[in-house]
Protein backbone atom coordinates (compact mmCIF):
# COMPACT_ATOMS: atom_id res chain seq x y z
CA MET A 1 53.59 34.11 -0.76
CA LEU A 2 51.73 32.14 -2.67
CA VAL A 3 48.68 34.25 -4.11
CA THR A 4 45.37 32.19 -5.21
CA ARG A 5 41.82 33.25 -6.52
CA THR A 6 38.52 31.30 -6.09
CA TRP A 7 38.60 27.96 -8.03
CA ALA A 8 35.66 27.39 -11.10
CA GLU A 9 36.29 23.75 -10.64
CA PRO A 10 37.20 21.92 -7.59
CA LEU A 11 41.06 20.60 -7.85
CA SER A 12 41.79 17.25 -6.57
CA ILE A 13 44.89 18.75 -5.05
CA SER A 14 44.88 21.06 -1.85
CA GLU A 15 46.31 24.36 -2.48
CA GLN A 16 48.51 24.59 0.81
CA ASP A 17 50.35 21.14 -0.43
CA LEU A 18 50.68 22.35 -4.07
CA ALA A 19 52.26 25.65 -2.74
CA HIS A 20 54.45 23.82 -0.26
CA PHE A 21 55.71 21.54 -3.13
CA VAL A 22 55.93 24.37 -5.75
CA LEU A 23 57.95 26.77 -3.19
CA ASP A 24 60.29 23.93 -1.86
CA ARG A 25 61.54 22.27 -4.99
CA THR A 26 61.83 24.02 -8.16
CA ASP A 27 62.32 27.53 -8.81
CA ALA A 28 60.28 27.61 -11.89
CA ALA A 29 57.15 30.08 -12.43
CA VAL A 30 54.05 28.08 -12.14
CA VAL A 31 50.90 28.98 -13.13
CA VAL A 32 47.43 27.16 -12.79
CA CYS A 33 44.51 28.09 -15.35
CA ASP A 34 40.98 26.80 -14.41
CA SER A 35 39.33 24.92 -17.77
CA ARG A 36 38.45 28.19 -19.05
CA GLY A 37 42.39 29.45 -19.66
CA ILE A 38 41.73 32.08 -16.56
CA VAL A 39 44.59 32.48 -14.66
CA VAL A 40 43.78 31.04 -10.72
CA LEU A 41 46.67 30.66 -8.97
CA ALA A 42 50.64 31.88 -9.57
CA ASN A 43 53.54 31.74 -7.31
CA PRO A 44 55.88 34.51 -6.99
CA ALA A 45 57.99 33.42 -9.89
CA ALA A 46 55.01 33.47 -12.21
CA LEU A 47 54.20 37.02 -10.49
CA ALA A 48 57.54 38.71 -11.65
CA LEU A 49 57.30 37.47 -15.16
CA ALA A 50 54.05 39.10 -15.82
CA ASP A 51 53.61 42.64 -16.76
CA ALA A 52 50.50 43.56 -13.82
CA ASP A 53 48.73 40.84 -11.31
CA PRO A 54 47.38 37.68 -13.34
CA LEU A 55 44.91 36.51 -11.62
CA GLY A 56 41.80 36.60 -12.77
CA GLN A 57 43.27 37.15 -16.77
CA PRO A 58 43.51 34.81 -19.52
CA PHE A 59 47.02 33.33 -19.92
CA SER A 60 47.63 34.76 -23.30
CA ASN A 61 47.16 38.27 -21.45
CA ALA A 62 48.66 37.83 -18.63
CA TYR A 63 52.07 36.18 -20.34
CA ARG A 64 53.05 37.75 -23.73
CA LEU A 65 54.74 34.27 -25.11
CA ILE A 66 55.98 33.94 -28.94
CA TRP A 67 57.33 30.39 -29.79
CA ALA A 68 60.92 30.73 -30.46
CA ARG A 69 62.01 29.00 -34.05
CA THR A 70 65.10 27.40 -33.43
CA GLU A 71 66.61 24.07 -34.82
CA SER A 72 65.17 22.57 -31.66
CA ASN A 73 62.08 23.96 -31.62
CA ASN A 74 61.60 23.30 -35.56
CA ASP A 75 57.85 22.76 -35.37
CA ALA A 76 56.63 25.92 -33.85
CA ALA A 77 55.95 27.18 -37.46
CA THR A 78 52.86 24.71 -37.13
CA LEU A 79 51.85 25.87 -33.76
CA PRO A 80 49.47 28.89 -33.17
CA SER A 81 51.26 32.00 -32.47
CA PRO A 82 51.36 34.31 -30.09
CA PHE A 83 51.33 31.40 -27.31
CA SER A 84 48.33 30.03 -27.06
CA LEU A 85 46.64 27.35 -24.25
CA ASP A 86 44.22 25.82 -26.76
CA PRO A 87 45.87 22.88 -27.59
CA VAL A 88 46.16 21.94 -23.45
CA LEU A 89 42.47 22.92 -23.07
CA ALA A 90 41.67 20.32 -25.54
CA GLY A 91 43.89 17.96 -24.02
CA GLU A 92 47.53 17.59 -25.23
CA ALA A 93 50.70 18.56 -23.27
CA LEU A 94 53.34 20.89 -24.75
CA ARG A 95 56.56 21.31 -23.96
CA ARG A 96 58.19 24.15 -26.22
CA VAL A 97 61.16 27.12 -25.75
CA CYS A 98 59.16 30.66 -26.01
CA LEU A 99 60.47 34.14 -26.15
CA LEU A 100 58.93 35.99 -23.01
CA GLU A 101 58.16 39.66 -23.92
CA LYS A 102 58.01 42.14 -20.98
CA GLU A 103 57.49 45.88 -20.88
CA GLY A 104 60.67 47.62 -20.48
CA GLN A 105 62.74 44.59 -20.84
CA PRO A 106 64.63 42.70 -23.47
CA ARG A 107 63.17 39.43 -24.89
CA ARG A 108 64.23 36.24 -23.19
CA GLU A 109 64.21 32.52 -23.69
CA VAL A 110 62.05 30.49 -21.35
CA ALA A 111 61.27 26.95 -21.60
CA VAL A 112 57.38 26.42 -21.23
CA SER A 113 55.71 23.07 -20.21
CA SER A 114 51.75 22.54 -20.17
CA ALA A 115 50.04 19.81 -19.35
CA PRO A 116 46.34 19.05 -18.98
CA CYS A 117 44.42 18.02 -15.24
CA LYS A 118 41.65 15.90 -15.86
CA GLY A 119 39.22 15.37 -12.93
CA PRO A 120 37.58 11.69 -11.48
CA GLY A 121 35.20 11.88 -14.51
CA GLY A 122 37.54 12.25 -16.89
CA GLY A 123 36.77 15.85 -17.49
CA LEU A 124 39.46 18.80 -17.72
CA LEU A 125 39.84 20.10 -14.19
CA CYS A 126 42.51 22.52 -15.00
CA CYS A 127 46.05 22.62 -16.71
CA ILE A 128 49.21 23.64 -14.96
CA ILE A 129 52.02 25.75 -16.92
CA SER A 130 55.63 25.58 -15.66
CA MET A 131 57.84 28.48 -16.97
CA ILE A 132 61.74 28.49 -16.61
CA GLU A 133 64.10 31.28 -18.28
CA VAL A 134 66.78 29.72 -20.27
CA VAL A 135 70.15 30.85 -18.01
CA ASP A 136 73.76 29.76 -19.17
CA ALA A 137 76.09 27.56 -16.50
CA ILE A 138 76.45 30.80 -14.34
CA GLY A 139 73.04 31.68 -13.66
CA VAL A 140 72.74 34.62 -15.65
CA SER A 141 70.82 35.44 -19.11
CA PRO A 142 72.63 34.56 -22.17
CA ASP A 143 74.33 37.17 -24.07
CA VAL A 144 72.44 37.62 -27.19
CA THR A 145 75.21 39.25 -28.93
CA ALA A 146 77.45 35.83 -28.45
CA PRO A 147 77.69 33.62 -31.53
CA ARG A 148 74.33 32.29 -32.59
CA GLN A 149 75.62 28.36 -32.27
CA ASP A 150 77.36 28.93 -28.82
CA ARG A 151 73.83 30.27 -27.63
CA GLU A 152 72.02 27.55 -29.22
CA GLU A 153 74.50 24.95 -27.66
CA THR A 154 74.28 26.40 -24.19
CA ALA A 155 70.05 26.85 -24.51
CA GLU A 156 69.49 22.82 -25.39
CA ARG A 157 71.83 22.16 -22.60
CA LYS A 158 69.88 23.92 -20.11
CA ARG A 159 66.83 22.53 -21.90
CA VAL A 160 67.73 19.34 -21.53
CA GLU A 161 68.34 19.71 -17.47
CA GLN A 162 64.98 21.76 -16.98
CA ALA A 163 63.32 18.95 -18.67
CA GLN A 164 64.73 16.61 -16.36
CA ALA A 165 63.15 18.39 -14.03
CA LEU A 166 59.98 18.95 -15.24
CA GLU A 167 59.68 15.12 -15.49
CA GLN A 168 60.32 14.87 -11.72
CA SER A 169 58.33 17.51 -11.00
CA ARG A 170 55.65 15.84 -12.80
CA SER A 171 56.17 12.37 -10.96
CA ASN A 172 55.94 13.93 -7.66
CA THR A 173 53.01 15.68 -8.64
CA SER A 174 51.31 12.75 -9.99
CA GLU A 175 52.24 10.90 -6.20
CA LEU A 176 50.69 13.71 -4.25
CA THR A 177 47.49 13.67 -6.54
CA ALA A 178 47.33 9.75 -6.10
CA GLY A 179 47.74 10.00 -2.29
CA GLU A 180 45.14 12.91 -1.77
CA SER A 181 42.71 10.99 -4.44
CA GLY A 182 42.82 8.07 -1.89
CA SER A 183 42.39 10.00 0.75
CA GLN A 184 39.44 11.85 -0.86
CA THR A 185 38.00 8.89 -1.87
CA THR A 186 37.80 7.42 1.85
CA GLU A 187 36.17 10.48 2.54
CA ARG A 188 33.68 10.68 -0.10
CA THR A 189 32.51 7.41 0.94
CA LEU A 190 32.02 7.64 4.20
CA ALA A 191 30.21 10.74 3.54
CA GLU A 192 27.90 8.78 0.71
CA GLU A 193 27.42 6.10 3.38
CA THR A 194 26.04 8.83 6.47
CA THR A 195 23.92 10.32 3.12
CA ARG A 196 22.47 7.19 2.62
CA ALA A 197 21.69 6.34 6.20
CA LEU A 198 20.28 9.81 6.73
CA LEU A 199 17.90 9.35 3.65
CA ARG A 200 16.85 5.94 5.12
CA ILE A 201 16.29 6.82 8.83
CA SER A 202 14.50 9.83 7.24
CA SER A 203 11.90 7.42 4.87
CA LYS A 204 11.55 5.37 7.81
CA LEU A 205 10.56 8.04 10.41
CA ASN A 206 8.17 9.65 7.91
CA SER A 207 6.27 6.00 7.31
CA THR A 208 4.51 6.60 10.64
CA LEU A 209 2.62 9.66 11.91
CA ASP A 210 2.58 7.87 15.56
CA VAL A 211 4.63 9.64 18.00
CA GLU A 212 5.84 6.84 20.07
CA ALA A 213 6.84 4.41 16.68
CA THR A 214 8.77 7.59 16.29
CA PHE A 215 10.51 7.56 18.75
CA GLU A 216 11.35 3.86 18.40
CA ILE A 217 12.78 3.87 15.18
CA LEU A 218 15.18 6.82 15.61
CA ILE A 219 16.28 5.14 18.57
CA ASP A 220 16.98 2.12 16.73
CA GLU A 221 18.37 3.16 13.97
CA ALA A 222 20.64 5.64 15.78
CA MET A 223 21.84 2.73 17.80
CA ARG A 224 22.49 0.67 14.76
CA PHE A 225 24.35 3.69 13.03
CA VAL A 226 26.91 4.49 16.10
CA GLY A 227 26.77 0.89 17.46
CA GLY A 228 24.95 1.46 20.75
CA GLU A 229 23.70 -1.41 22.57
CA SER A 230 21.07 0.88 24.78
CA GLY A 231 19.01 4.34 24.34
CA PHE A 232 15.65 6.17 24.96
CA ALA A 233 13.79 9.13 23.66
CA GLY A 234 11.61 11.48 24.72
CA LEU A 235 9.39 15.01 24.36
CA ARG A 236 10.26 18.26 26.21
CA THR A 237 7.21 19.05 28.73
CA VAL A 238 6.35 21.60 31.11
CA HIS A 239 8.29 19.66 33.77
CA GLY A 240 11.00 19.07 31.72
CA MET A 241 12.68 15.85 29.53
CA CYS A 242 10.16 13.06 29.42
CA MET A 243 11.17 9.37 28.94
CA ARG A 244 8.46 6.72 28.04
CA ARG A 245 10.56 4.04 26.55
CA PHE A 246 13.42 2.36 26.88
CA LEU A 247 15.18 0.07 23.83
CA VAL A 248 18.28 -2.44 24.78
CA ASN A 249 19.53 -4.93 22.92
CA GLY A 250 16.49 -4.40 20.17
CA LYS A 251 13.68 -4.80 22.82
CA SER A 252 11.14 -2.08 23.66
CA ILE A 253 10.23 -1.65 27.22
CA GLU A 254 7.95 0.78 28.60
CA LEU A 255 9.65 3.07 31.02
CA GLU A 256 8.79 6.75 31.91
CA HIS A 257 11.17 9.17 33.79
CA THR A 258 11.05 13.01 33.96
CA TRP A 259 14.63 14.89 34.32
CA ALA A 260 13.98 18.67 35.44
CA PRO A 261 15.96 21.15 33.60
CA GLY A 262 19.73 20.79 34.79
CA VAL A 263 19.22 17.37 36.03
CA GLY A 264 20.76 14.44 34.38
CA ILE A 265 22.27 14.40 31.45
CA PRO A 266 18.75 15.33 29.53
CA GLY A 267 18.33 17.90 31.97
CA TRP A 268 21.83 19.40 30.96
CA VAL A 269 21.01 18.96 26.97
CA LEU A 270 17.57 20.79 27.58
CA GLU A 271 19.58 23.90 29.10
CA HIS A 272 22.40 24.42 26.88
CA ARG A 273 20.61 23.27 23.56
CA ALA A 274 23.85 20.98 22.75
CA PRO A 275 24.60 17.38 22.65
CA TYR A 276 26.63 15.74 25.98
CA VAL A 277 28.99 13.01 25.25
CA THR A 278 30.57 11.37 28.51
CA ASN A 279 33.52 8.12 27.54
CA ASP A 280 33.65 7.63 31.71
CA ALA A 281 29.82 7.79 32.82
CA PRO A 282 30.54 5.66 36.20
CA ARG A 283 32.49 8.82 37.39
CA ASP A 284 30.45 11.34 35.23
CA PRO A 285 28.80 14.20 37.62
CA PHE A 286 25.40 14.63 35.36
CA MET A 287 24.81 10.60 35.46
CA PRO A 288 22.53 9.92 38.44
CA HIS A 289 23.48 6.49 39.35
CA ALA A 290 20.77 5.71 41.89
CA LEU A 291 18.46 5.18 39.31
CA PRO A 292 17.94 1.28 37.93
CA PHE A 293 18.31 2.14 34.26
CA ASN A 294 21.46 3.90 34.55
CA ARG A 295 23.50 0.85 36.19
CA ASP A 296 26.68 -0.60 33.73
CA VAL A 297 26.46 2.56 31.72
CA ARG A 298 30.04 3.03 30.14
CA ASN A 299 29.42 5.84 28.16
CA ALA A 300 26.62 7.68 26.40
CA ILE A 301 25.72 10.41 24.32
CA CYS A 302 22.41 12.79 24.53
CA THR A 303 21.59 14.57 21.87
CA PRO A 304 18.87 17.86 21.82
CA ILE A 305 15.95 17.60 18.87
CA LEU A 306 15.99 21.26 17.92
CA GLY A 307 12.76 22.97 16.56
CA ALA A 308 13.62 25.49 13.59
CA GLY A 309 13.52 28.26 16.03
CA GLY A 310 16.15 26.28 17.92
CA GLU A 311 14.21 25.76 20.85
CA VAL A 312 14.37 22.10 22.42
CA VAL A 313 11.76 19.64 21.02
CA GLY A 314 12.71 16.47 22.58
CA PHE A 315 16.06 14.43 22.84
CA PHE A 316 17.49 11.00 22.16
CA GLU A 317 20.38 9.37 24.19
CA ILE A 318 22.41 6.37 23.17
CA ARG A 319 24.82 4.18 25.54
CA ASN A 320 27.21 1.77 25.62
CA LYS A 321 28.97 1.78 22.25
CA ALA A 322 29.56 -2.06 21.07
CA GLY A 323 33.21 -3.62 21.94
CA ARG A 324 33.71 -0.89 24.71
CA ALA A 325 34.81 1.72 22.08
CA PRO A 326 34.40 5.32 23.00
CA PHE A 327 32.28 7.61 21.26
CA THR A 328 33.78 9.60 18.54
CA GLN A 329 33.23 13.19 17.53
CA SER A 330 32.00 11.71 14.18
CA ASP A 331 29.39 10.01 16.21
CA VAL A 332 28.21 13.50 17.73
CA ASP A 333 27.76 14.77 14.11
CA PHE A 334 25.67 11.97 12.74
CA LEU A 335 23.03 12.21 15.42
CA MET A 336 23.27 16.20 15.07
CA ALA A 337 22.68 15.70 11.60
CA LEU A 338 19.93 13.03 12.33
CA SER A 339 18.47 15.52 14.74
CA PRO A 340 16.45 18.26 12.61
CA ILE A 341 15.11 14.93 10.23
CA ALA A 342 13.42 13.86 13.69
CA CYS A 343 12.20 16.83 14.56
CA ILE A 344 9.98 17.32 11.12
CA ALA A 345 9.10 13.62 11.89
CA ILE A 346 7.78 14.31 15.73
CA GLU A 347 6.29 17.53 14.38
CA ASN A 348 4.38 15.68 11.76
CA ALA A 349 3.09 12.88 13.84
CA GLN A 350 2.46 15.21 16.64
CA ALA A 351 0.19 17.75 13.88
CA TYR A 352 -1.31 14.33 12.78
CA LYS A 353 -2.46 13.50 16.12
CA ARG A 354 -3.75 17.09 16.69
CA ILE A 355 -5.91 17.04 14.15
CA SER A 356 -7.33 13.41 14.50
CA ASP A 357 -8.37 14.28 17.83
CA ALA A 358 -9.70 17.27 16.54
CA GLU A 359 -12.03 15.04 13.87
CA GLY A 360 -12.59 12.65 16.38
CA ALA A 361 -13.95 15.57 18.74
CA VAL A 362 -16.09 17.00 15.87
CA LYS A 363 -17.17 13.26 14.82
CA ASP A 364 -18.02 12.85 18.59
CA SER A 365 -20.21 16.15 18.66
CA TYR A 366 -22.02 15.49 15.05
CA THR A 367 -22.83 12.28 16.55
CA GLN A 368 -24.13 14.00 19.70
CA LEU A 369 -26.40 16.38 17.87
CA ARG A 370 -27.77 13.88 15.36
CA ALA A 371 -28.67 11.81 18.65
CA LEU A 372 -30.06 14.90 20.36
CA ALA A 373 -31.88 15.59 17.17
CA ALA A 374 -33.23 12.36 16.95
CA ARG A 375 -34.43 12.47 20.42
CA LEU A 376 -36.34 16.09 20.20
CA GLN A 377 -37.84 14.47 16.96
CA THR A 378 -39.03 11.54 19.00
CA ILE A 379 -40.23 13.38 21.67
CA ARG A 380 -41.93 15.88 19.12
CA GLU A 381 -43.49 12.84 17.53
CA GLU A 382 -44.76 11.54 20.89
CA GLU A 383 -46.19 15.07 22.07
CA ARG A 384 -47.81 15.23 18.64
CA THR A 385 -49.63 11.73 19.16
CA GLU A 386 -50.55 13.05 22.83
CA ILE A 387 -52.35 16.07 21.66
CA ALA A 388 -53.86 14.67 18.54
CA ARG A 389 -55.20 11.78 20.84
CA GLU A 390 -56.62 14.71 23.21
CA LEU A 391 -58.23 16.31 20.33
CA HIS A 392 -59.54 12.95 18.67
CA ASP A 393 -60.93 11.77 21.82
CA GLU A 394 -61.62 14.54 24.10
CA LEU A 395 -62.42 17.45 21.94
CA GLY A 396 -64.41 15.89 19.44
CA GLN A 397 -66.09 13.78 21.56
CA ALA A 398 -67.34 16.94 23.56
CA LEU A 399 -68.81 18.71 20.13
CA THR A 400 -69.82 15.74 19.35
CA ALA A 401 -72.00 15.56 22.46
CA LEU A 402 -72.58 19.63 21.86
CA LYS A 403 -73.73 19.09 18.75
CA MET A 404 -76.63 15.99 19.88
CA ASP A 405 -77.60 18.42 22.74
CA LEU A 406 -78.35 21.31 19.96
CA VAL A 407 -80.27 18.77 17.54
CA SER A 408 -82.52 17.79 20.66
CA LEU A 409 -83.05 21.37 21.87
CA ALA A 410 -83.63 22.48 18.26
CA ALA A 411 -86.27 19.52 17.98
CA LEU A 412 -88.51 21.02 20.95
CA LEU A 413 -88.37 24.72 19.74
CA PRO A 414 -91.85 25.70 18.35
CA LYS A 415 -92.35 25.33 14.69
CA ARG A 416 -93.80 28.87 14.48
CA ASN A 417 -90.23 30.32 15.65
CA ALA A 418 -88.65 30.13 12.43
CA LEU A 419 -85.63 32.57 13.73
CA LEU A 420 -84.71 30.01 16.38
CA ARG A 421 -85.05 27.20 14.26
CA GLU A 422 -82.37 28.72 12.10
CA ARG A 423 -80.19 29.97 14.54
CA ALA A 424 -79.87 26.17 15.70
CA ARG A 425 -79.39 24.70 12.65
CA ALA A 426 -76.72 27.34 11.55
CA MET A 427 -75.00 26.39 15.36
CA THR A 428 -75.48 22.70 14.29
CA ASP A 429 -73.45 23.50 11.32
CA GLN A 430 -70.85 25.19 12.76
CA ILE A 431 -70.63 22.27 15.23
CA ASP A 432 -69.82 20.27 12.18
CA ALA A 433 -67.57 22.45 10.64
CA THR A 434 -65.37 22.61 14.29
CA ILE A 435 -65.41 18.87 14.69
CA LYS A 436 -63.96 18.66 10.89
CA THR A 437 -61.49 20.62 11.72
CA VAL A 438 -60.39 18.92 14.90
CA ARG A 439 -60.08 15.77 12.97
CA ARG A 440 -58.14 17.37 10.33
CA LEU A 441 -55.56 18.89 12.99
CA SER A 442 -55.82 15.59 14.76
CA SER A 443 -54.50 13.80 11.28
CA HIS A 444 -51.88 16.52 10.67
CA LEU A 445 -50.30 15.60 14.09
CA ARG A 446 -50.63 12.27 14.07
CA PRO A 447 -52.81 10.14 11.29
CA VAL A 448 -54.39 7.62 13.27
CA MET A 449 -54.49 5.40 10.37
CA LEU A 450 -50.44 5.04 10.67
CA ASP A 451 -50.83 3.31 13.83
CA ASP A 452 -53.81 1.58 13.05
CA LEU A 453 -53.48 0.68 9.22
CA GLY A 454 -49.99 1.42 8.48
CA LEU A 455 -47.33 3.41 6.27
CA GLY A 456 -49.41 2.47 2.79
CA PRO A 457 -52.42 3.22 3.55
CA SER A 458 -51.76 6.37 5.41
CA LEU A 459 -49.89 7.78 2.55
CA GLU A 460 -52.75 7.07 0.23
CA TRP A 461 -54.89 9.05 2.38
CA TYR A 462 -52.87 11.91 2.41
CA ALA A 463 -52.21 11.98 -0.99
CA GLN A 464 -55.48 12.48 -1.38
CA GLU A 465 -55.99 14.79 1.01
CA PHE A 466 -52.90 17.32 -0.80
CA GLN A 467 -54.95 16.71 -4.21
CA THR A 468 -58.09 17.70 -2.70
CA ARG A 469 -56.63 20.76 -0.87
CA THR A 470 -54.53 22.03 -3.57
CA GLY A 471 -55.62 20.82 -6.98
CA ILE A 472 -52.29 19.17 -7.65
CA ILE A 473 -52.70 15.75 -9.28
CA VAL A 474 -51.13 12.98 -7.12
CA GLU A 475 -50.83 9.45 -8.88
CA SER A 476 -49.49 7.15 -6.46
CA ASP A 477 -48.59 3.28 -6.78
CA ILE A 478 -48.19 2.46 -2.87
CA LEU A 479 -46.94 -0.91 -1.89
CA GLN A 480 -49.94 -1.76 0.50
CA ASP A 481 -48.36 -5.46 1.89
CA GLU A 482 -47.81 -5.58 5.64
CA LEU A 483 -44.21 -4.38 5.55
CA ALA A 484 -41.61 -5.02 8.44
CA LEU A 485 -41.44 -1.42 9.84
CA ASP A 486 -41.29 -0.01 13.54
CA GLN A 487 -43.28 2.79 14.82
CA SER A 488 -40.26 5.06 13.88
CA GLN A 489 -39.28 4.01 10.19
CA ALA A 490 -43.33 4.43 9.48
CA THR A 491 -43.55 8.13 11.19
CA ALA A 492 -39.85 8.85 9.42
CA LEU A 493 -41.23 7.87 5.85
CA PHE A 494 -44.33 9.53 6.04
CA ARG A 495 -42.93 12.56 7.52
CA ILE A 496 -40.68 12.73 4.70
CA PHE A 497 -43.67 12.37 2.51
CA GLN A 498 -45.72 15.06 4.07
CA GLU A 499 -42.95 17.54 3.92
CA THR A 500 -41.83 16.61 0.44
CA LEU A 501 -45.67 17.54 -0.73
CA THR A 502 -45.28 20.72 1.45
CA ASN A 503 -42.51 21.91 -0.70
CA VAL A 504 -44.29 20.94 -4.45
CA ALA A 505 -46.97 23.04 -2.95
CA ARG A 506 -44.93 25.74 -1.89
CA HIS A 507 -41.65 26.16 -4.13
CA ALA A 508 -42.15 23.70 -7.27
CA ASN A 509 -45.27 25.60 -9.33
CA ALA A 510 -45.69 21.60 -10.46
CA THR A 511 -49.40 20.17 -11.88
CA ARG A 512 -48.33 16.62 -10.72
CA VAL A 513 -46.59 14.62 -8.46
CA ASN A 514 -45.84 10.64 -8.96
CA ALA A 515 -45.55 8.88 -5.72
CA LYS A 516 -44.35 5.38 -5.65
CA LEU A 517 -43.55 2.85 -2.57
CA GLU A 518 -42.00 -0.41 -3.47
CA LEU A 519 -39.56 -3.01 -2.39
CA ARG A 520 -36.31 -3.27 -3.75
CA ALA A 521 -33.51 -5.80 -2.57
CA GLY A 522 -34.75 -6.10 1.24
CA GLU A 523 -35.18 -1.74 0.94
CA LEU A 524 -38.25 -0.20 1.19
CA VAL A 525 -37.74 2.72 -1.34
CA LEU A 526 -40.06 5.77 -1.65
CA CYS A 527 -39.52 7.80 -4.79
CA ILE A 528 -41.09 11.12 -5.20
CA GLN A 529 -41.11 13.14 -8.58
CA ASP A 530 -42.83 16.56 -9.57
CA ASN A 531 -42.82 18.31 -13.15
CA GLY A 532 -42.58 21.74 -11.47
CA GLN A 533 -39.40 24.06 -12.01
CA GLY A 534 -37.14 22.29 -10.40
CA PHE A 535 -33.82 24.09 -8.54
CA GLU A 536 -30.01 23.37 -7.95
CA VAL A 537 -30.09 21.38 -4.82
CA ASP A 538 -26.22 22.95 -4.30
CA LYS A 539 -27.51 26.16 -4.30
CA VAL A 540 -30.28 25.84 -2.19
CA ARG A 541 -29.87 28.33 0.89
CA GLY A 542 -32.18 29.45 3.80
CA ASN A 543 -35.17 28.12 5.08
CA ARG A 544 -36.03 25.56 2.07
CA SER A 545 -32.43 24.10 3.14
CA LEU A 546 -33.18 23.33 6.81
CA GLY A 547 -36.63 21.70 5.46
CA LEU A 548 -34.36 19.52 3.04
CA LEU A 549 -31.68 19.04 5.95
CA GLY A 550 -34.65 18.09 8.24
CA MET A 551 -35.90 15.48 5.95
CA ARG A 552 -32.47 13.71 5.61
CA GLU A 553 -31.96 14.29 9.21
CA ARG A 554 -35.24 11.90 9.83
CA ALA A 555 -34.02 8.89 7.00
CA GLU A 556 -30.41 8.65 8.63
CA ASN A 557 -31.98 8.28 12.28
CA VAL A 558 -33.80 5.09 10.65
CA ARG A 559 -30.00 4.58 9.23
CA GLY A 560 -31.94 5.36 5.61
CA THR A 561 -30.50 7.23 2.99
CA LEU A 562 -31.94 10.08 1.03
CA GLU A 563 -31.22 11.46 -2.45
CA ILE A 564 -32.17 14.82 -4.17
CA GLN A 565 -31.91 15.13 -7.64
CA GLY A 566 -33.01 18.43 -9.42
CA ALA A 567 -32.35 20.86 -12.20
CA PRO A 568 -33.76 23.89 -13.44
CA GLY A 569 -36.55 23.27 -15.52
CA GLN A 570 -36.58 19.89 -15.12
CA GLY A 571 -38.70 18.78 -11.64
CA THR A 572 -37.40 17.10 -8.58
CA ILE A 573 -37.09 13.92 -7.36
CA ILE A 574 -36.79 12.89 -3.74
CA LEU A 575 -35.89 8.99 -3.27
CA VAL A 576 -35.57 7.65 0.03
CA THR A 577 -33.95 4.05 0.90
CA VAL A 578 -34.85 2.71 4.81
CA PRO A 579 -33.30 -1.08 5.05
CA LEU A 580 -35.76 -3.56 6.52
CA GLU A 581 -35.00 -5.75 9.38
CA VAL A 582 -37.33 -8.21 10.59
CA GLY A 583 -37.77 -8.80 14.39
CA GLY A 584 -36.35 -5.35 15.53
CA SER A 585 -36.02 -2.11 15.26
CA THR A 586 -33.82 0.08 13.04
CA SER A 587 -33.68 3.13 14.98
CA GLN A 588 -30.63 4.59 16.37
CA VAL A 589 -32.36 6.16 19.24
CA ASP A 590 -33.69 4.31 22.38
């Protein structure tokens, strides 16, 4: 029985063939060592020559050999002693007579032949050592008491015979190696082609994130590799295996069909989670012949697409191998190797679709929220305008009439009644103050001049009113030309200006504000800069951030932009840009 050890490097000859050859054709002790000189294979004759189990041991430890110094071996003095495999491991072949020492036995002469075995790349793969005991003509060890000359002649004759046997052994081994090398080359070529095909298909499958396109690439490439004429693929659903597209002769056809679990070949694949092959489709019990696309089907392979947990994600089926050839096991192996690649591509496409749908939903929600916010602002401006008009027209007029009546009544009071006249005058002053308050409230709700005189004068008025009320100097450079602004744009810019100055008064601790309104390349630009304490824009939180957010929303609702620049100790700049469109509104809200 041949004893082997795990190889440190692969051999070019299979262990079974080598064992068969050694056992059947030679009585020599054969030892194979790896590239480090470690014994990895020994036949029974080799085991008999060793003191102990040689496997896994260095050859020089397993077999105690000493070069024999004879006339035919006169160069032994130049070789390392005891016997060493170093020359063989360096690439040389040795053939010499040695003395074998074995515990409890006399020395025996053995003919040793050792040769390196190189791999496909030229590197040392292993070395093979053959040892043949030198015996006389009747097959017994030579008598050490016989004359030396007789023993040497007998030994020389046997060496010649053994040399011829070894030469034949090497010739047969070379033929066996060449045959197996050719077979392995063919297998390696097929494996390389399959690997290249899988890599190419993987690259194409991952080049798209569309599920339908992924299936088309999968079917097209699978048909091309195994030689199919038609095919289809689909996903697993709650109802079973669902097909949506059918490919035949390179053309894609929209076709929907669902196989319930256990129904048809895809249904069988769903239940068993294994590939199904039929080379006799007309008589196959799982082929529903009533379906139109099942006519003229000769053979088919249906392959499950399995997820990481072994669950069925989908399937693909290839039909009618070209040349009326049957599908083979190699076709099944290739399609099963393609299955996990397809699963990854499909899951990526599905994940991308889920993310895209979620992003679309978020975008739609954001758009709706912006539209709602814009609508609420419009409603609020309309209500402010209505309230301001009511205050100005109704309450203002009523107070004015009351003042006039009070003045008339005071004029009728006797001059000697100083107390009543003084009270009448105080009431008149109170009515005047109330009228001013009403006008101020009305202006803050909706400046009348914004509708009557336009944006420029309204900004100038509010800047002056702010300076009077807060004491903060406002230097304004406001464009006074008539602008092609609609009501929503003018209102948005005025409210942003109003909110900015309010923030300056509340938070900036500023003493001066510069405001400028100008035209730049068809856009209206409002710049407001203060010399206050400034702030880090990215770190603003709370109510102040809501105010800034509201300003930005107002700008975006009229298709404008708002930029905030600020740093601690360097003041703050608010820059608003609004496009001008002559003859139409830029508002996004109807």
